[in-house]
Amino acid sequence: MYEQYKDGNVDNHSVGMYYVNIKMAFNSSLDEDAEYKEIWDEHIDDIANKEEVEKNGYFYAVYEAKAIEGSAVAIGSNPITPTETISKTKTQQELKNLEIKKWLGVAE
């Protein structure tokens, strides 16, 4: 897995959890939805994918969760889980090709 990170092949993560305390939030002006609208107003500015949530008009506010697993994945189902500090390193062949280019005077 270390090599996968080092080579820049892994840039998303998956977390499995049990939700212990969640509440539904609606962006609604209906009187019967006042409780849900209050939760919406309280948390909407804290949501990482706010634009998508606003299109849908609802979300689940998670107040308590128990993490049960974590995984590094090449393609995650949630685009909000990137690894932001890993950059692809050059392979041995790429380094060799760069040295050849330098020797030939064509390196960038």
PDB file of N, CA and C in Angstrom:
ATOM      1  N   MET A   1       0.830  -1.191   0.000  1.00  0.00           N
ATOM      2  CA  MET A   1       0.000   0.000   0.000  1.00  0.00           C
ATOM      3  C   MET A   1       0.869   1.245   0.000  1.00  0.00           C
ATOM      4  N   TYR A   2       1.984   1.166   0.717  1.00  0.00           N
ATOM      5  CA  TYR A   2       2.918   2.297   0.742  1.00  0.00           C
ATOM      6  C   TYR A   2       3.346   2.671  -0.672  1.00  0.00           C
ATOM      7  N   GLU A   3       3.674   1.659  -1.461  1.00  0.00           N
ATOM      8  CA  GLU A   3       4.099   1.910  -2.843  1.00  0.00           C
ATOM      9  C   GLU A   3       2.979   2.558  -3.653  1.00  0.00           C
ATOM     10  N   GLN A   4       1.742   2.141  -3.430  1.00  0.00           N
ATOM     11  CA  GLN A   4       0.604   2.720  -4.142  1.00  0.00           C
ATOM     12  C   GLN A   4       0.458   4.210  -3.812  1.00  0.00           C
ATOM     13  N   TYR A   5       0.626   4.556  -2.520  1.00  0.00           N
ATOM     14  CA  TYR A   5       0.601   5.973  -2.140  1.00  0.00           C
ATOM     15  C   TYR A   5       1.761   6.718  -2.782  1.00  0.00           C
ATOM     16  N   LYS A   6       2.941   6.125  -2.669  1.00  0.00           N
ATOM     17  CA  LYS A   6       4.148   6.768  -3.173  1.00  0.00           C
ATOM     18  C   LYS A   6       4.048   7.049  -4.669  1.00  0.00           C
ATOM     19  N   ASP A   7       3.426   6.127  -5.399  1.00  0.00           N
ATOM     20  CA  ASP A   7       3.299   6.283  -6.848  1.00  0.00           C
ATOM     21  C   ASP A   7       2.096   7.131  -7.253  1.00  0.00           C
ATOM     22  N   GLY A   8       1.349   7.626  -6.275  1.00  0.00           N
ATOM     23  CA  GLY A   8       0.213   8.488  -6.573  1.00  0.00           C
ATOM     24  C   GLY A   8      -1.007   7.758  -7.093  1.00  0.00           C
ATOM     25  N   ASN A   9      -1.069   6.438  -6.903  1.00  0.00           N
ATOM     26  CA  ASN A   9      -2.201   5.660  -7.409  1.00  0.00           C
ATOM     27  C   ASN A   9      -3.410   5.670  -6.480  1.00  0.00           C
ATOM     28  N   VAL A  10      -3.207   6.014  -5.226  1.00  0.00           N
ATOM     29  CA  VAL A  10      -4.296   6.034  -4.260  1.00  0.00           C
ATOM     30  C   VAL A  10      -4.536   7.479  -3.857  1.00  0.00           C
ATOM     31  N   ASP A  11      -5.753   7.944  -4.061  1.00  0.00           N
ATOM     32  CA  ASP A  11      -6.025   9.310  -3.653  1.00  0.00           C
ATOM     33  C   ASP A  11      -7.423   9.490  -3.063  1.00  0.00           C
ATOM     34  N   ASN A  12      -8.054   8.404  -2.688  1.00  0.00           N
ATOM     35  CA  ASN A  12      -9.360   8.469  -2.030  1.00  0.00           C
ATOM     36  C   ASN A  12      -9.401   7.465  -0.892  1.00  0.00           C
ATOM     37  N   HIS A  13     -10.332   7.692   0.009  1.00  0.00           N
ATOM     38  CA  HIS A  13     -10.482   6.817   1.164  1.00  0.00           C
ATOM     39  C   HIS A  13     -11.941   6.494   1.394  1.00  0.00           C
ATOM     40  N   SER A  14     -12.170   5.354   1.975  1.00  0.00           N
ATOM     41  CA  SER A  14     -13.511   4.899   2.311  1.00  0.00           C
ATOM     42  C   SER A  14     -13.548   4.640   3.801  1.00  0.00           C
ATOM     43  N   VAL A  15     -14.589   5.125   4.453  1.00  0.00           N
ATOM     44  CA  VAL A  15     -14.749   4.911   5.881  1.00  0.00           C
ATOM     45  C   VAL A  15     -16.099   4.250   6.106  1.00  0.00           C
ATOM     46  N   GLY A  16     -16.071   3.111   6.774  1.00  0.00           N
ATOM     47  CA  GLY A  16     -17.314   2.449   7.146  1.00  0.00           C
ATOM     48  C   GLY A  16     -17.665   2.825   8.563  1.00  0.00           C
ATOM     49  N   MET A  17     -18.931   3.165   8.802  1.00  0.00           N
ATOM     50  CA  MET A  17     -19.319   3.563  10.149  1.00  0.00           C
ATOM     51  C   MET A  17     -20.771   3.213  10.433  1.00  0.00           C
ATOM     52  N   TYR A  18     -21.045   3.108  11.709  1.00  0.00           N
ATOM     53  CA  TYR A  18     -22.406   2.977  12.198  1.00  0.00           C
ATOM     54  C   TYR A  18     -22.849   4.368  12.649  1.00  0.00           C
ATOM     55  N   TYR A  19     -23.992   4.816  12.162  1.00  0.00           N
ATOM     56  CA  TYR A  19     -24.538   6.093  12.611  1.00  0.00           C
ATOM     57  C   TYR A  19     -25.310   5.871  13.899  1.00  0.00           C
ATOM     58  N   VAL A  20     -24.933   6.609  14.934  1.00  0.00           N
ATOM     59  CA  VAL A  20     -25.552   6.467  16.244  1.00  0.00           C
ATOM     60  C   VAL A  20     -26.626   7.536  16.439  1.00  0.00           C
ATOM     61  N   ASN A  21     -26.334   8.761  16.035  1.00  0.00           N
ATOM     62  CA  ASN A  21     -27.269   9.878  16.210  1.00  0.00           C
ATOM     63  C   ASN A  21     -27.269  10.714  14.938  1.00  0.00           C
ATOM     64  N   ILE A  22     -28.342  10.618  14.164  1.00  0.00           N
ATOM     65  CA  ILE A  22     -28.474  11.400  12.935  1.00  0.00           C
ATOM     66  C   ILE A  22     -29.841  12.083  12.923  1.00  0.00           C
ATOM     67  N   LYS A  23     -29.902  13.199  12.184  1.00  0.00           N
ATOM     68  CA  LYS A  23     -31.162  13.915  12.015  1.00  0.00           C
ATOM     69  C   LYS A  23     -31.297  14.320  10.554  1.00  0.00           C
ATOM     70  N   MET A  24     -32.515  14.254  10.063  1.00  0.00           N
ATOM     71  CA  MET A  24     -32.815  14.649   8.691  1.00  0.00           C
ATOM     72  C   MET A  24     -32.913  16.172   8.616  1.00  0.00           C
ATOM     73  N   ALA A  25     -32.412  16.742   7.530  1.00  0.00           N
ATOM     74  CA  ALA A  25     -32.496  18.183   7.303  1.00  0.00           C
ATOM     75  C   ALA A  25     -33.102  18.437   5.927  1.00  0.00           C
ATOM     76  N   PHE A  26     -34.096  19.322   5.868  1.00  0.00           N
ATOM     77  CA  PHE A  26     -34.732  19.719   4.605  1.00  0.00           C
ATOM     78  C   PHE A  26     -34.560  21.217   4.415  1.00  0.00           C
ATOM     79  N   ASN A  27     -34.436  21.611   3.171  1.00  0.00           N
ATOM     80  CA  ASN A  27     -34.517  23.030   2.842  1.00  0.00           C
ATOM     81  C   ASN A  27     -35.962  23.281   2.419  1.00  0.00           C
ATOM     82  N   SER A  28     -36.801  23.525   3.408  1.00  0.00           N
ATOM     83  CA  SER A  28     -38.239  23.615   3.173  1.00  0.00           C
ATOM     84  C   SER A  28     -38.817  24.820   3.901  1.00  0.00           C
ATOM     85  N   SER A  29     -39.822  25.424   3.305  1.00  0.00           N
ATOM     86  CA  SER A  29     -40.507  26.547   3.950  1.00  0.00           C
ATOM     87  C   SER A  29     -41.861  26.130   4.527  1.00  0.00           C
ATOM     88  N   LEU A  30     -42.185  24.849   4.469  1.00  0.00           N
ATOM     89  CA  LEU A  30     -43.451  24.358   5.007  1.00  0.00           C
ATOM     90  C   LEU A  30     -43.418  24.351   6.539  1.00  0.00           C
ATOM     91  N   ASP A  31     -44.522  24.759   7.146  1.00  0.00           N
ATOM     92  CA  ASP A  31     -44.601  24.803   8.614  1.00  0.00           C
ATOM     93  C   ASP A  31     -44.297  23.453   9.255  1.00  0.00           C
ATOM     94  N   GLU A  32     -44.798  22.376   8.639  1.00  0.00           N
ATOM     95  CA  GLU A  32     -44.578  21.049   9.223  1.00  0.00           C
ATOM     96  C   GLU A  32     -43.114  20.581   9.116  1.00  0.00           C
ATOM     97  N   ASP A  33     -42.312  21.286   8.331  1.00  0.00           N
ATOM     98  CA  ASP A  33     -40.891  20.942   8.190  1.00  0.00           C
ATOM     99  C   ASP A  33     -39.971  21.873   8.980  1.00  0.00           C
ATOM    100  N   ALA A  34     -40.530  22.677   9.863  1.00  0.00           N
ATOM    101  CA  ALA A  34     -39.735  23.684  10.586  1.00  0.00           C
ATOM    102  C   ALA A  34     -38.555  23.070  11.336  1.00  0.00           C
ATOM    103  N   GLU A  35     -38.768  21.921  11.963  1.00  0.00           N
ATOM    104  CA  GLU A  35     -37.683  21.251  12.702  1.00  0.00           C
ATOM    105  C   GLU A  35     -36.548  20.857  11.761  1.00  0.00           C
ATOM    106  N   TYR A  36     -36.907  20.335  10.583  1.00  0.00           N
ATOM    107  CA  TYR A  36     -35.912  19.912   9.595  1.00  0.00           C
ATOM    108  C   TYR A  36     -35.182  21.108   8.983  1.00  0.00           C
ATOM    109  N   LYS A  37     -35.904  22.211   8.790  1.00  0.00           N
ATOM    110  CA  LYS A  37     -35.310  23.436   8.239  1.00  0.00           C
ATOM    111  C   LYS A  37     -34.315  24.036   9.227  1.00  0.00           C
ATOM    112  N   GLU A  38     -34.615  23.936  10.511  1.00  0.00           N
ATOM    113  CA  GLU A  38     -33.696  24.442  11.538  1.00  0.00           C
ATOM    114  C   GLU A  38     -32.361  23.690  11.487  1.00  0.00           C
ATOM    115  N   ILE A  39     -32.429  22.384  11.320  1.00  0.00           N
ATOM    116  CA  ILE A  39     -31.210  21.569  11.202  1.00  0.00           C
ATOM    117  C   ILE A  39     -30.467  21.961   9.928  1.00  0.00           C
ATOM    118  N   TRP A  40     -31.192  22.156   8.823  1.00  0.00           N
ATOM    119  CA  TRP A  40     -30.596  22.606   7.556  1.00  0.00           C
ATOM    120  C   TRP A  40     -29.817  23.898   7.780  1.00  0.00           C
ATOM    121  N   ASP A  41     -30.476  24.887   8.349  1.00  0.00           N
ATOM    122  CA  ASP A  41     -29.853  26.203   8.544  1.00  0.00           C
ATOM    123  C   ASP A  41     -28.635  26.131   9.463  1.00  0.00           C
ATOM    124  N   GLU A  42     -28.699  25.254  10.438  1.00  0.00           N
ATOM    125  CA  GLU A  42     -27.601  25.122  11.400  1.00  0.00           C
ATOM    126  C   GLU A  42     -26.337  24.537  10.761  1.00  0.00           C
ATOM    127  N   HIS A  43     -26.479  23.636   9.786  1.00  0.00           N
ATOM    128  CA  HIS A  43     -25.327  22.877   9.293  1.00  0.00           C
ATOM    129  C   HIS A  43     -24.959  23.083   7.820  1.00  0.00           C
ATOM    130  N   ILE A  44     -25.799  23.704   7.025  1.00  0.00           N
ATOM    131  CA  ILE A  44     -25.561  23.752   5.581  1.00  0.00           C
ATOM    132  C   ILE A  44     -24.207  24.367   5.225  1.00  0.00           C
ATOM    133  N   ASP A  45     -23.747  25.352   5.958  1.00  0.00           N
ATOM    134  CA  ASP A  45     -22.471  25.993   5.623  1.00  0.00           C
ATOM    135  C   ASP A  45     -21.251  25.160   6.005  1.00  0.00           C
ATOM    136  N   ASP A  46     -21.463  24.050   6.726  1.00  0.00           N
ATOM    137  CA  ASP A  46     -20.357  23.179   7.130  1.00  0.00           C
ATOM    138  C   ASP A  46     -20.167  21.983   6.200  1.00  0.00           C
ATOM    139  N   ILE A  47     -21.009  21.854   5.196  1.00  0.00           N
ATOM    140  CA  ILE A  47     -21.007  20.669   4.341  1.00  0.00           C
ATOM    141  C   ILE A  47     -19.993  20.824   3.212  1.00  0.00           C
ATOM    142  N   ALA A  48     -19.152  19.815   3.034  1.00  0.00           N
ATOM    143  CA  ALA A  48     -18.092  19.863   2.021  1.00  0.00           C
ATOM    144  C   ALA A  48     -18.646  19.895   0.597  1.00  0.00           C
ATOM    145  N   ASN A  49     -19.683  19.153   0.324  1.00  0.00           N
ATOM    146  CA  ASN A  49     -20.273  19.131  -1.019  1.00  0.00           C
ATOM    147  C   ASN A  49     -21.603  19.897  -1.016  1.00  0.00           C
ATOM    148  N   LYS A  50     -21.542  21.120  -0.519  1.00  0.00           N
ATOM    149  CA  LYS A  50     -22.723  21.960  -0.314  1.00  0.00           C
ATOM    150  C   LYS A  50     -23.540  22.155  -1.589  1.00  0.00           C
ATOM    151  N   GLU A  51     -22.886  22.368  -2.721  1.00  0.00           N
ATOM    152  CA  GLU A  51     -23.615  22.611  -3.973  1.00  0.00           C
ATOM    153  C   GLU A  51     -24.503  21.425  -4.339  1.00  0.00           C
ATOM    154  N   GLU A  52     -23.987  20.221  -4.192  1.00  0.00           N
ATOM    155  CA  GLU A  52     -24.765  19.032  -4.520  1.00  0.00           C
ATOM    156  C   GLU A  52     -25.925  18.857  -3.543  1.00  0.00           C
ATOM    157  N   VAL A  53     -25.669  19.106  -2.270  1.00  0.00           N
ATOM    158  CA  VAL A  53     -26.712  18.987  -1.256  1.00  0.00           C
ATOM    159  C   VAL A  53     -27.823  20.004  -1.518  1.00  0.00           C
ATOM    160  N   GLU A  54     -27.443  21.213  -1.904  1.00  0.00           N
ATOM    161  CA  GLU A  54     -28.451  22.237  -2.191  1.00  0.00           C
ATOM    162  C   GLU A  54     -29.330  21.831  -3.377  1.00  0.00           C
ATOM    163  N   LYS A  55     -28.747  21.164  -4.361  1.00  0.00           N
ATOM    164  CA  LYS A  55     -29.553  20.663  -5.489  1.00  0.00           C
ATOM    165  C   LYS A  55     -30.571  19.632  -5.017  1.00  0.00           C
ATOM    166  N   ASN A  56     -30.164  18.754  -4.109  1.00  0.00           N
ATOM    167  CA  ASN A  56     -31.042  17.698  -3.612  1.00  0.00           C
ATOM    168  C   ASN A  56     -32.085  18.218  -2.631  1.00  0.00           C
ATOM    169  N   GLY A  57     -31.729  19.246  -1.866  1.00  0.00           N
ATOM    170  CA  GLY A  57     -32.672  19.828  -0.922  1.00  0.00           C
ATOM    171  C   GLY A  57     -32.763  19.138   0.429  1.00  0.00           C
ATOM    172  N   TYR A  58     -31.902  18.179   0.681  1.00  0.00           N
ATOM    173  CA  TYR A  58     -31.913  17.501   1.982  1.00  0.00           C
ATOM    174  C   TYR A  58     -30.547  16.894   2.267  1.00  0.00           C
ATOM    175  N   PHE A  59     -30.293  16.576   3.527  1.00  0.00           N
ATOM    176  CA  PHE A  59     -29.119  15.814   3.937  1.00  0.00           C
ATOM    177  C   PHE A  59     -29.384  15.225   5.310  1.00  0.00           C
ATOM    178  N   TYR A  60     -28.514  14.351   5.749  1.00  0.00           N
ATOM    179  CA  TYR A  60     -28.577  13.785   7.089  1.00  0.00           C
ATOM    180  C   TYR A  60     -27.433  14.382   7.901  1.00  0.00           C
ATOM    181  N   ALA A  61     -27.760  15.060   8.972  1.00  0.00           N
ATOM    182  CA  ALA A  61     -26.745  15.594   9.882  1.00  0.00           C
ATOM    183  C   ALA A  61     -26.341  14.460  10.822  1.00  0.00           C
ATOM    184  N   VAL A  62     -25.059  14.129  10.821  1.00  0.00           N
ATOM    185  CA  VAL A  62     -24.557  13.041  11.661  1.00  0.00           C
ATOM    186  C   VAL A  62     -23.915  13.667  12.897  1.00  0.00           C
ATOM    187  N   TYR A  63     -24.523  13.419  14.050  1.00  0.00           N
ATOM    188  CA  TYR A  63     -24.039  13.972  15.311  1.00  0.00           C
ATOM    189  C   TYR A  63     -23.108  13.005  16.036  1.00  0.00           C
ATOM    190  N   GLU A  64     -23.305  11.722  15.798  1.00  0.00           N
ATOM    191  CA  GLU A  64     -22.450  10.720  16.417  1.00  0.00           C
ATOM    192  C   GLU A  64     -22.381   9.501  15.511  1.00  0.00           C
ATOM    193  N   ALA A  65     -21.152   9.002  15.314  1.00  0.00           N
ATOM    194  CA  ALA A  65     -20.948   7.806  14.497  1.00  0.00           C
ATOM    195  C   ALA A  65     -19.798   7.010  15.098  1.00  0.00           C
ATOM    196  N   LYS A  66     -19.831   5.714  14.868  1.00  0.00           N
ATOM    197  CA  LYS A  66     -18.744   4.838  15.299  1.00  0.00           C
ATOM    198  C   LYS A  66     -18.057   4.309  14.050  1.00  0.00           C
ATOM    199  N   ALA A  67     -16.790   4.638  13.917  1.00  0.00           N
ATOM    200  CA  ALA A  67     -16.010   4.137  12.777  1.00  0.00           C
ATOM    201  C   ALA A  67     -15.738   2.660  12.980  1.00  0.00           C
ATOM    202  N   ILE A  68     -15.961   1.868  11.917  1.00  0.00           N
ATOM    203  CA  ILE A  68     -15.716   0.430  12.018  1.00  0.00           C
ATOM    204  C   ILE A  68     -14.620  -0.038  11.069  1.00  0.00           C
ATOM    205  N   GLU A  69     -14.292   0.768  10.057  1.00  0.00           N
ATOM    206  CA  GLU A  69     -13.202   0.402   9.155  1.00  0.00           C
ATOM    207  C   GLU A  69     -12.793   1.611   8.335  1.00  0.00           C
ATOM    208  N   GLY A  70     -11.586   1.545   7.804  1.00  0.00           N
ATOM    209  CA  GLY A  70     -11.088   2.576   6.900  1.00  0.00           C
ATOM    210  C   GLY A  70     -10.253   1.919   5.821  1.00  0.00           C
ATOM    211  N   SER A  71     -10.396   2.381   4.606  1.00  0.00           N
ATOM    212  CA  SER A  71      -9.677   1.778   3.484  1.00  0.00           C
ATOM    213  C   SER A  71      -9.151   2.853   2.553  1.00  0.00           C
ATOM    214  N   ALA A  72      -8.025   2.595   1.964  1.00  0.00           N
ATOM    215  CA  ALA A  72      -7.510   3.429   0.881  1.00  0.00           C
ATOM    216  C   ALA A  72      -7.998   2.813  -0.417  1.00  0.00           C
ATOM    217  N   VAL A  73      -8.531   3.640  -1.303  1.00  0.00           N
ATOM    218  CA  VAL A  73      -9.073   3.137  -2.560  1.00  0.00           C
ATOM    219  C   VAL A  73      -8.615   4.017  -3.712  1.00  0.00           C
ATOM    220  N   ALA A  74      -8.511   3.419  -4.899  1.00  0.00           N
ATOM    221  CA  ALA A  74      -8.102   4.182  -6.076  1.00  0.00           C
ATOM    222  C   ALA A  74      -9.231   5.068  -6.581  1.00  0.00           C
ATOM    223  N   ILE A  75     -10.454   4.593  -6.492  1.00  0.00           N
ATOM    224  CA  ILE A  75     -11.616   5.370  -6.916  1.00  0.00           C
ATOM    225  C   ILE A  75     -12.674   5.253  -5.827  1.00  0.00           C
ATOM    226  N   GLY A  76     -12.918   6.348  -5.133  1.00  0.00           N
ATOM    227  CA  GLY A  76     -13.886   6.323  -4.046  1.00  0.00           C
ATOM    228  C   GLY A  76     -15.271   6.712  -4.516  1.00  0.00           C
ATOM    229  N   SER A  77     -16.272   6.333  -3.744  1.00  0.00           N
ATOM    230  CA  SER A  77     -17.638   6.711  -4.087  1.00  0.00           C
ATOM    231  C   SER A  77     -17.939   8.142  -3.669  1.00  0.00           C
ATOM    232  N   ASN A  78     -17.125   8.707  -2.808  1.00  0.00           N
ATOM    233  CA  ASN A  78     -17.313  10.062  -2.337  1.00  0.00           C
ATOM    234  C   ASN A  78     -16.105  10.904  -2.747  1.00  0.00           C
ATOM    235  N   PRO A  79     -16.287  11.890  -3.607  1.00  0.00           N
ATOM    236  CA  PRO A  79     -15.146  12.693  -4.080  1.00  0.00           C
ATOM    237  C   PRO A  79     -14.581  13.641  -3.027  1.00  0.00           C
ATOM    238  N   ILE A  80     -15.130  13.633  -1.836  1.00  0.00           N
ATOM    239  CA  ILE A  80     -14.676  14.526  -0.783  1.00  0.00           C
ATOM    240  C   ILE A  80     -13.608  13.863   0.087  1.00  0.00           C
ATOM    241  N   THR A  81     -12.994  12.768  -0.373  1.00  0.00           N
ATOM    242  CA  THR A  81     -12.020  12.038   0.449  1.00  0.00           C
ATOM    243  C   THR A  81     -10.624  11.967  -0.155  1.00  0.00           C
ATOM    244  N   PRO A  82     -10.156  13.002  -0.813  1.00  0.00           N
ATOM    245  CA  PRO A  82      -8.848  12.855  -1.473  1.00  0.00           C
ATOM    246  C   PRO A  82      -7.669  12.874  -0.507  1.00  0.00           C
ATOM    247  N   THR A  83      -6.561  12.304  -0.956  1.00  0.00           N
ATOM    248  CA  THR A  83      -5.286  12.463  -0.277  1.00  0.00           C
ATOM    249  C   THR A  83      -4.646  13.674  -0.930  1.00  0.00           C
ATOM    250  N   GLU A  84      -4.393  14.695  -0.176  1.00  0.00           N
ATOM    251  CA  GLU A  84      -3.949  15.942  -0.766  1.00  0.00           C
ATOM    252  C   GLU A  84      -2.450  16.176  -0.682  1.00  0.00           C
ATOM    253  N   THR A  85      -1.700  15.297  -0.036  1.00  0.00           N
ATOM    254  CA  THR A  85      -0.283  15.549   0.137  1.00  0.00           C
ATOM    255  C   THR A  85       0.605  14.560  -0.605  1.00  0.00           C
ATOM    256  N   ILE A  86       0.026  13.672  -1.377  1.00  0.00           N
ATOM    257  CA  ILE A  86       0.798  12.680  -2.104  1.00  0.00           C
ATOM    258  C   ILE A  86       0.954  13.150  -3.545  1.00  0.00           C
ATOM    259  N   SER A  87       2.172  13.073  -4.049  1.00  0.00           N
ATOM    260  CA  SER A  87       2.370  13.357  -5.464  1.00  0.00           C
ATOM    261  C   SER A  87       3.122  12.182  -6.067  1.00  0.00           C
ATOM    262  N   LYS A  88       2.858  11.929  -7.311  1.00  0.00           N
ATOM    263  CA  LYS A  88       3.472  10.778  -7.970  1.00  0.00           C
ATOM    264  C   LYS A  88       4.977  10.993  -8.067  1.00  0.00           C
ATOM    265  N   THR A  89       5.728   9.980  -7.694  1.00  0.00           N
ATOM    266  CA  THR A  89       7.179  10.034  -7.811  1.00  0.00           C
ATOM    267  C   THR A  89       7.580   9.408  -9.140  1.00  0.00           C
ATOM    268  N   LYS A  90       8.757   9.725  -9.576  1.00  0.00           N
ATOM    269  CA  LYS A  90       9.235   9.175 -10.839  1.00  0.00           C
ATOM    270  C   LYS A  90       9.706   7.732 -10.649  1.00  0.00           C
ATOM    271  N   THR A  91       9.348   6.887 -11.600  1.00  0.00           N
ATOM    272  CA  THR A  91       9.806   5.505 -11.563  1.00  0.00           C
ATOM    273  C   THR A  91      11.274   5.467 -11.968  1.00  0.00           C
ATOM    274  N   GLN A  92      11.895   4.338 -11.717  1.00  0.00           N
ATOM    275  CA  GLN A  92      13.295   4.177 -12.107  1.00  0.00           C
ATOM    276  C   GLN A  92      13.466   4.390 -13.619  1.00  0.00           C
ATOM    277  N   GLN A  93      12.534   3.868 -14.429  1.00  0.00           N
ATOM    278  CA  GLN A  93      12.634   4.038 -15.882  1.00  0.00           C
ATOM    279  C   GLN A  93      12.490   5.501 -16.264  1.00  0.00           C
ATOM    280  N   GLU A  94      11.584   6.234 -15.617  1.00  0.00           N
ATOM    281  CA  GLU A  94      11.425   7.656 -15.908  1.00  0.00           C
ATOM    282  C   GLU A  94      12.691   8.429 -15.564  1.00  0.00           C
ATOM    283  N   LEU A  95      13.316   8.066 -14.427  1.00  0.00           N
ATOM    284  CA  LEU A  95      14.571   8.717 -14.050  1.00  0.00           C
ATOM    285  C   LEU A  95      15.667   8.407 -15.062  1.00  0.00           C
ATOM    286  N   LYS A  96      15.734   7.147 -15.507  1.00  0.00           N
ATOM    287  CA  LYS A  96      16.729   6.758 -16.498  1.00  0.00           C
ATOM    288  C   LYS A  96      16.499   7.526 -17.801  1.00  0.00           C
ATOM    289  N   ASN A  97      15.234   7.634 -18.243  1.00  0.00           N
ATOM    290  CA  ASN A  97      14.927   8.379 -19.463  1.00  0.00           C
ATOM    291  C   ASN A  97      15.289   9.849 -19.329  1.00  0.00           C
ATOM    292  N   LEU A  98      15.064  10.422 -18.141  1.00  0.00           N
ATOM    293  CA  LEU A  98      15.423  11.815 -17.902  1.00  0.00           C
ATOM    294  C   LEU A  98      16.934  12.006 -17.994  1.00  0.00           C
ATOM    295  N   GLU A  99      17.685  11.070 -17.420  1.00  0.00           N
ATOM    296  CA  GLU A  99      19.144  11.158 -17.504  1.00  0.00           C
ATOM    297  C   GLU A  99      19.625  11.067 -18.958  1.00  0.00           C
ATOM    298  N   ILE A 100      19.001  10.187 -19.731  1.00  0.00           N
ATOM    299  CA  ILE A 100      19.366  10.060 -21.149  1.00  0.00           C
ATOM    300  C   ILE A 100      19.063  11.359 -21.875  1.00  0.00           C
ATOM    301  N   LYS A 101      17.898  11.950 -21.610  1.00  0.00           N
ATOM    302  CA  LYS A 101      17.538  13.226 -22.246  1.00  0.00           C
ATOM    303  C   LYS A 101      18.515  14.328 -21.872  1.00  0.00           C
ATOM    304  N   LYS A 102      18.916  14.350 -20.593  1.00  0.00           N
ATOM    305  CA  LYS A 102      19.897  15.349 -20.164  1.00  0.00           C
ATOM    306  C   LYS A 102      21.212  15.154 -20.893  1.00  0.00           C
ATOM    307  N   TRP A 103      21.638  13.903 -21.009  1.00  0.00           N
ATOM    308  CA  TRP A 103      22.892  13.589 -21.686  1.00  0.00           C
ATOM    309  C   TRP A 103      22.818  14.009 -23.147  1.00  0.00           C
ATOM    310  N   LEU A 104      21.635  13.825 -23.779  1.00  0.00           N
ATOM    311  CA  LEU A 104      21.456  14.208 -25.174  1.00  0.00           C
ATOM    312  C   LEU A 104      21.209  15.714 -25.337  1.00  0.00           C
ATOM    313  N   GLY A 105      20.992  16.401 -24.200  1.00  0.00           N
ATOM    314  CA  GLY A 105      20.749  17.841 -24.264  1.00  0.00           C
ATOM    315  C   GLY A 105      19.310  18.205 -24.626  1.00  0.00           C
ATOM    316  N   VAL A 106      18.376  17.281 -24.430  1.00  0.00           N
ATOM    317  CA  VAL A 106      16.981  17.563 -24.773  1.00  0.00           C
ATOM    318  C   VAL A 106      16.070  17.560 -23.541  1.00  0.00           C
ATOM    319  N   ALA A 107      16.641  17.552 -22.352  1.00  0.00           N
ATOM    320  CA  ALA A 107      15.826  17.517 -21.143  1.00  0.00           C
ATOM    321  C   ALA A 107      15.148  18.864 -20.942  1.00  0.00           C
ATOM    322  N   GLU A 108      13.967  18.816 -20.346  1.00  0.00           N
ATOM    323  CA  GLU A 108      13.196  20.036 -20.095  1.00  0.00           C
ATOM    324  C   GLU A 108      13.752  20.785 -18.921  1.00  0.00           C
TER     325      GLU A 108
END
